[in-house]
């Protein structure tokens, strides 16, 4: 059996950025899978809090230069890369001057949720898929972590379903307790749309909020996993959307979680 190829996608990873438990879990999980013989790629946003000089980020010119459509606008995609210290792992960073230069993640200095966080998520999800296309690297599993990555399983099953690179790709969507109370504008669905995507496909997103993004991820992922601690509201969503494909992991018990996810990956890849 050839090496399984696992693509990890998240909003953060240690040591570059840590705002929640996702950062630490994403730091340990890819290395654990690499040590089990899997081939790994990692993609995260290049939020402005990440110090490029300190972390030795540099642009990958051959991967940059694509324009990503978000609604009626197109934004240039810049790809940067850095290595995780003391690990044989590289992290690719999705960057754009309009979306990721500000010195914070999802809130401004007054703790106000950015109105364009929906656009940032759309740009990131599309940017991830386009970057993988440019790499010419066909992932067996795309493991998407948290709400910002939730559109990727849907894009893989619609616009990109006939791309040779993604023909056999399966997706895992991981849910964490990192919610927000903001409701996005009425133009959200139009911003998300691409070829082969209509309002019916986007029905789970109609609430235009955190639960809507989570619902999208659950609807289209091949497997849904959740941390041990999620809200009652999220648990109810999980019950409603993923009756035949849910799985609970305990982030606190890392070794056990690694083993369980290894089993999920190998099973999905067939």
Protein backbone atom coordinates (compact mmCIF):
# COMPACT_ATOMS: atom_id res chain seq x y z
CA UNK A 1 0.00 0.00 0.00
CA UNK A 2 1.36 3.43 -0.94
CA UNK A 3 1.67 6.15 1.66
CA UNK A 4 -1.61 7.76 2.61
CA UNK A 5 -1.62 11.48 1.83
CA UNK A 6 -3.27 13.61 4.51
CA UNK A 7 -3.98 17.31 4.09
CA UNK A 8 -4.58 19.19 7.35
CA UNK A 9 -6.44 22.50 7.19
CA UNK A 10 -7.09 24.77 10.17
CA UNK A 11 -7.10 28.41 11.28
CA UNK A 12 -4.06 27.96 13.52
CA UNK A 13 -1.14 25.74 14.44
CA UNK A 14 1.57 25.94 17.07
CA UNK A 15 4.19 27.41 17.21
CA UNK A 16 3.00 30.05 14.73
CA UNK A 17 -0.35 30.94 16.34
CA UNK A 18 -2.33 29.66 19.32
CA UNK A 19 -5.77 30.95 20.27
CA UNK A 20 -7.50 27.64 21.10
CA UNK A 21 -6.91 23.92 21.58
CA UNK A 22 -6.94 23.50 17.81
CA UNK A 23 -3.39 24.91 17.55
CA UNK A 24 -1.85 22.30 19.84
CA UNK A 25 -3.83 19.40 18.45
CA UNK A 26 -2.83 20.33 14.91
CA UNK A 27 0.77 20.51 16.01
CA UNK A 28 0.82 16.96 17.41
CA UNK A 29 -1.54 15.13 15.06
CA UNK A 30 0.27 15.59 11.71
CA UNK A 31 3.59 14.57 13.25
CA UNK A 32 1.98 11.48 14.78
CA UNK A 33 0.60 10.51 11.36
CA UNK A 34 3.92 11.21 9.66
CA UNK A 35 5.60 8.88 12.15
CA UNK A 36 3.05 6.23 11.11
CA UNK A 37 4.25 6.53 7.53
CA UNK A 38 1.75 9.01 6.10
CA UNK A 39 2.61 11.89 3.77
CA UNK A 40 1.51 15.23 5.22
CA UNK A 41 0.66 18.74 4.02
CA UNK A 42 -0.62 21.52 6.32
CA UNK A 43 -2.38 24.76 5.28
CA UNK A 44 -3.39 27.65 7.56
CA UNK A 45 -4.14 31.38 7.10
CA UNK A 46 -1.26 33.82 7.49
CA UNK A 47 -2.92 35.99 10.14
CA UNK A 48 -1.10 39.25 10.85
CA UNK A 49 -0.20 38.11 14.36
CA UNK A 50 2.29 35.67 12.86
CA UNK A 51 5.75 37.21 12.82
CA UNK A 52 7.22 36.38 9.43
CA UNK A 53 10.82 37.17 10.29
CA UNK A 54 10.83 35.32 13.60
CA UNK A 55 9.10 32.28 12.07
CA UNK A 56 11.11 32.43 8.83
CA UNK A 57 8.17 32.54 6.46
CA UNK A 58 8.99 33.08 2.83
CA UNK A 59 6.84 33.33 -0.27
CA UNK A 60 6.52 30.38 -2.63
CA UNK A 61 6.42 32.28 -5.91
CA UNK A 62 5.45 29.26 -8.05
CA UNK A 63 2.29 28.77 -5.93
CA UNK A 64 1.33 32.45 -5.65
CA UNK A 65 -0.33 34.64 -8.25
CA UNK A 66 -3.77 33.05 -8.54
CA UNK A 67 -6.84 35.25 -8.15
CA UNK A 68 -9.59 33.86 -5.89
CA UNK A 69 -13.19 34.97 -6.49
CA UNK A 70 -15.23 35.99 -3.46
CA UNK A 71 -18.62 37.06 -4.76
CA UNK A 72 -18.11 39.64 -7.48
CA UNK A 73 -14.53 40.44 -6.44
CA UNK A 74 -11.26 38.67 -7.14
CA UNK A 75 -8.40 38.79 -4.65
CA UNK A 76 -4.78 37.75 -5.26
CA UNK A 77 -3.57 34.66 -3.43
CA UNK A 78 -0.09 34.66 -1.91
CA UNK A 79 1.42 31.44 -0.54
CA UNK A 80 4.14 31.40 2.10
CA UNK A 81 5.87 28.50 3.77
CA UNK A 82 7.79 27.78 6.96
CA UNK A 83 9.09 24.72 8.76
CA UNK A 84 8.00 23.61 12.21
CA UNK A 85 11.08 23.66 14.46
CA UNK A 86 12.34 20.21 15.44
CA UNK A 87 9.93 18.45 13.09
CA UNK A 88 10.13 17.39 9.47
CA UNK A 89 6.95 19.27 8.66
CA UNK A 90 6.29 22.30 6.52
CA UNK A 91 3.32 24.63 6.90
CA UNK A 92 1.87 26.50 3.93
CA UNK A 93 0.24 29.86 4.71
CA UNK A 94 -2.64 31.34 2.71
CA UNK A 95 -2.16 35.10 2.55
CA UNK A 96 -3.87 38.15 1.08
CA UNK A 97 -3.22 41.78 1.96
CA UNK A 98 -6.89 42.71 2.40
CA UNK A 99 -7.85 39.73 4.53
CA UNK A 100 -4.85 38.68 6.61
CA UNK A 101 -2.59 41.66 7.29
CA UNK A 102 -4.48 42.96 10.35
CA UNK A 103 -2.80 42.23 13.69
CA UNK A 104 -5.59 40.08 15.07
CA UNK A 105 -7.53 36.95 14.15
CA UNK A 106 -11.34 37.26 14.10
CA UNK A 107 -11.95 40.36 16.29
CA UNK A 108 -10.69 43.95 16.27
CA UNK A 109 -9.19 45.77 19.27
CA UNK A 110 -12.68 46.49 20.61
CA UNK A 111 -13.46 42.74 20.38
CA UNK A 112 -15.88 43.37 17.53
CA UNK A 113 -16.22 40.45 15.14
CA UNK A 114 -14.95 41.37 11.68
CA UNK A 115 -17.84 41.79 9.24
CA UNK A 116 -15.77 40.17 6.47
CA UNK A 117 -14.85 37.00 8.36
CA UNK A 118 -17.17 35.18 5.97
CA UNK A 119 -15.15 36.43 3.00
CA UNK A 120 -11.91 35.50 4.75
CA UNK A 121 -13.20 31.95 5.28
CA UNK A 122 -14.39 31.65 1.66
CA UNK A 123 -11.07 32.96 0.34
CA UNK A 124 -9.17 30.57 2.61
CA UNK A 125 -11.19 27.49 1.64
CA UNK A 126 -10.94 28.18 -2.08
CA UNK A 127 -7.28 29.13 -1.70
CA UNK A 128 -6.49 25.82 -0.01
CA UNK A 129 -7.96 23.79 -2.86
CA UNK A 130 -6.30 25.89 -5.55
CA UNK A 131 -2.93 25.64 -3.77
CA UNK A 132 -3.19 21.85 -3.61
CA UNK A 133 -3.99 21.86 -7.35
CA UNK A 134 -0.87 23.91 -8.02
CA UNK A 135 1.18 21.53 -5.88
CA UNK A 136 -0.10 18.67 -8.05
CA UNK A 137 -0.52 16.63 -4.88
CA UNK A 138 -3.59 14.40 -4.60
CA UNK A 139 -4.72 14.03 -0.96
CA UNK A 140 -6.43 10.82 0.14
CA UNK A 141 -7.90 12.63 3.16
CA UNK A 142 -8.54 16.32 3.79
CA UNK A 143 -8.91 16.84 7.54
CA UNK A 144 -10.71 20.18 8.05
CA UNK A 145 -10.64 21.72 11.53
CA UNK A 146 -13.21 24.20 12.86
CA UNK A 147 -15.71 26.53 11.18
CA UNK A 148 -13.27 28.45 8.97
CA UNK A 149 -12.53 25.30 6.95
CA UNK A 150 -16.13 24.08 6.74
CA UNK A 151 -16.77 24.91 3.07
CA UNK A 152 -13.97 22.67 1.79
CA UNK A 153 -15.94 19.36 1.96
CA UNK A 154 -18.76 20.98 -0.03
CA UNK A 155 -16.43 22.44 -2.68
CA UNK A 156 -14.76 19.03 -3.08
CA UNK A 157 -18.14 17.40 -3.74
CA UNK A 158 -19.36 20.07 -6.19
CA UNK A 159 -17.13 22.42 -8.20
CA UNK A 160 -14.00 20.29 -7.83
CA UNK A 161 -15.56 16.81 -7.98
CA UNK A 162 -14.28 16.17 -11.52
CA UNK A 163 -10.74 17.35 -10.83
CA UNK A 164 -8.46 14.30 -11.26
CA UNK A 165 -6.48 15.26 -8.13
CA UNK A 166 -9.57 15.04 -5.92
CA UNK A 167 -11.33 12.10 -7.55
CA UNK A 168 -10.62 9.74 -4.63
CA UNK A 169 -10.35 12.37 -1.87
CA UNK A 170 -12.38 11.92 1.31
CA UNK A 171 -12.94 14.64 3.90
CA UNK A 172 -13.02 14.68 7.69
CA UNK A 173 -14.59 17.67 9.47
CA UNK A 174 -13.61 18.31 13.09
CA UNK A 175 -15.86 20.42 15.35
CA UNK A 176 -14.59 22.41 18.30
CA UNK A 177 -16.27 24.73 20.77
CA UNK A 178 -15.02 27.93 19.09
CA UNK A 179 -18.33 29.58 18.32
CA UNK A 180 -19.32 33.19 17.66
CA UNK A 181 -22.64 35.04 17.90
CA UNK A 182 -22.35 37.13 14.70
CA UNK A 183 -24.83 36.76 11.82
CA UNK A 184 -23.45 37.51 8.37
CA UNK A 185 -25.20 39.54 5.64
CA UNK A 186 -27.81 38.37 3.15
CA UNK A 187 -25.18 38.16 0.40
CA UNK A 188 -23.31 35.30 2.12
CA UNK A 189 -24.70 32.53 -0.11
CA UNK A 190 -23.86 34.42 -3.29
CA UNK A 191 -20.28 34.89 -2.08
CA UNK A 192 -19.93 31.15 -1.40
CA UNK A 193 -21.30 30.04 -4.79
CA UNK A 194 -19.12 28.59 -7.51
CA UNK A 195 -19.79 26.46 -10.58
CA UNK A 196 -22.37 23.72 -9.86
CA UNK A 197 -23.41 25.30 -6.54
CA UNK A 198 -26.96 26.57 -6.02
CA UNK A 199 -29.15 27.56 -3.07
CA UNK A 200 -30.25 23.96 -2.50
CA UNK A 201 -26.66 22.85 -1.92
CA UNK A 202 -26.13 25.80 0.44
CA UNK A 203 -29.30 25.20 2.47
CA UNK A 204 -27.40 24.34 5.69
CA UNK A 205 -25.79 27.80 5.56
CA UNK A 206 -29.07 29.75 5.40
CA UNK A 207 -28.83 30.79 9.06
CA UNK A 208 -25.67 32.72 8.04
CA UNK A 209 -24.01 32.12 11.41
CA UNK A 210 -21.56 29.83 13.23
CA UNK A 211 -24.03 26.95 13.31
CA UNK A 212 -24.63 27.40 9.58
CA UNK A 213 -20.93 27.00 8.79
CA UNK A 214 -20.70 23.96 11.08
CA UNK A 215 -23.78 22.48 9.40
CA UNK A 216 -22.14 22.88 5.99
CA UNK A 217 -19.07 20.99 7.12
CA UNK A 218 -21.14 18.17 8.58
CA UNK A 219 -23.46 17.89 5.58
CA UNK A 220 -20.69 17.28 3.06
CA UNK A 221 -17.83 15.66 5.01
CA UNK A 222 -17.38 11.91 4.80
CA UNK A 223 -16.69 11.73 8.53
CA UNK A 224 -17.46 14.15 11.36
CA UNK A 225 -15.34 14.15 14.49
CA UNK A 226 -15.75 16.31 17.56
CA UNK A 227 -13.76 17.17 20.60
CA UNK A 228 -15.01 15.93 23.94
CA UNK A 229 -16.22 19.39 24.99
CA UNK A 230 -18.82 20.93 22.68
CA UNK A 231 -21.96 22.87 23.57
CA UNK A 232 -25.41 21.30 23.83
CA UNK A 233 -26.43 23.28 20.74
CA UNK A 234 -23.55 21.83 18.73
CA UNK A 235 -24.30 18.34 20.01
CA UNK A 236 -27.88 18.72 18.77
CA UNK A 237 -26.62 19.89 15.38
CA UNK A 238 -24.33 16.89 15.21
CA UNK A 239 -27.26 14.59 16.00
CA UNK A 240 -29.35 16.20 13.25
CA UNK A 241 -26.74 16.27 10.49
CA UNK A 242 -24.39 13.34 10.87
CA UNK A 243 -26.34 10.33 12.08
CA UNK A 244 -24.26 7.85 10.11
CA UNK A 245 -20.83 9.47 10.14
CA UNK A 246 -20.01 10.95 13.54
CA UNK A 247 -17.14 10.10 15.83
CA UNK A 248 -16.02 11.50 19.15
CA UNK A 249 -12.39 12.12 20.00
CA UNK A 250 -10.84 13.34 23.21
CA UNK A 251 -8.22 15.97 22.49
CA UNK A 252 -6.99 15.63 26.06
CA UNK A 253 -6.14 11.96 25.46
CA UNK A 254 -3.90 12.70 22.47
CA UNK A 255 -2.39 9.26 21.94
CA UNK A 256 -5.80 7.63 21.88
CA UNK A 257 -7.13 10.33 19.54
CA UNK A 258 -4.19 9.75 17.19
CA UNK A 259 -4.89 6.01 17.06
CA UNK A 260 -8.59 6.54 16.47
CA UNK A 261 -7.97 9.04 13.68
CA UNK A 262 -5.38 6.78 12.09
CA UNK A 263 -8.10 4.13 11.94
CA UNK A 264 -10.58 6.61 10.44
CA UNK A 265 -8.13 7.71 7.75
CA UNK A 266 -7.21 4.20 6.68
CA UNK A 267 -10.85 3.11 6.66
CA UNK A 268 -11.99 6.11 4.58
CA UNK A 269 -9.15 5.69 2.11
CA UNK A 270 -10.21 2.07 1.66
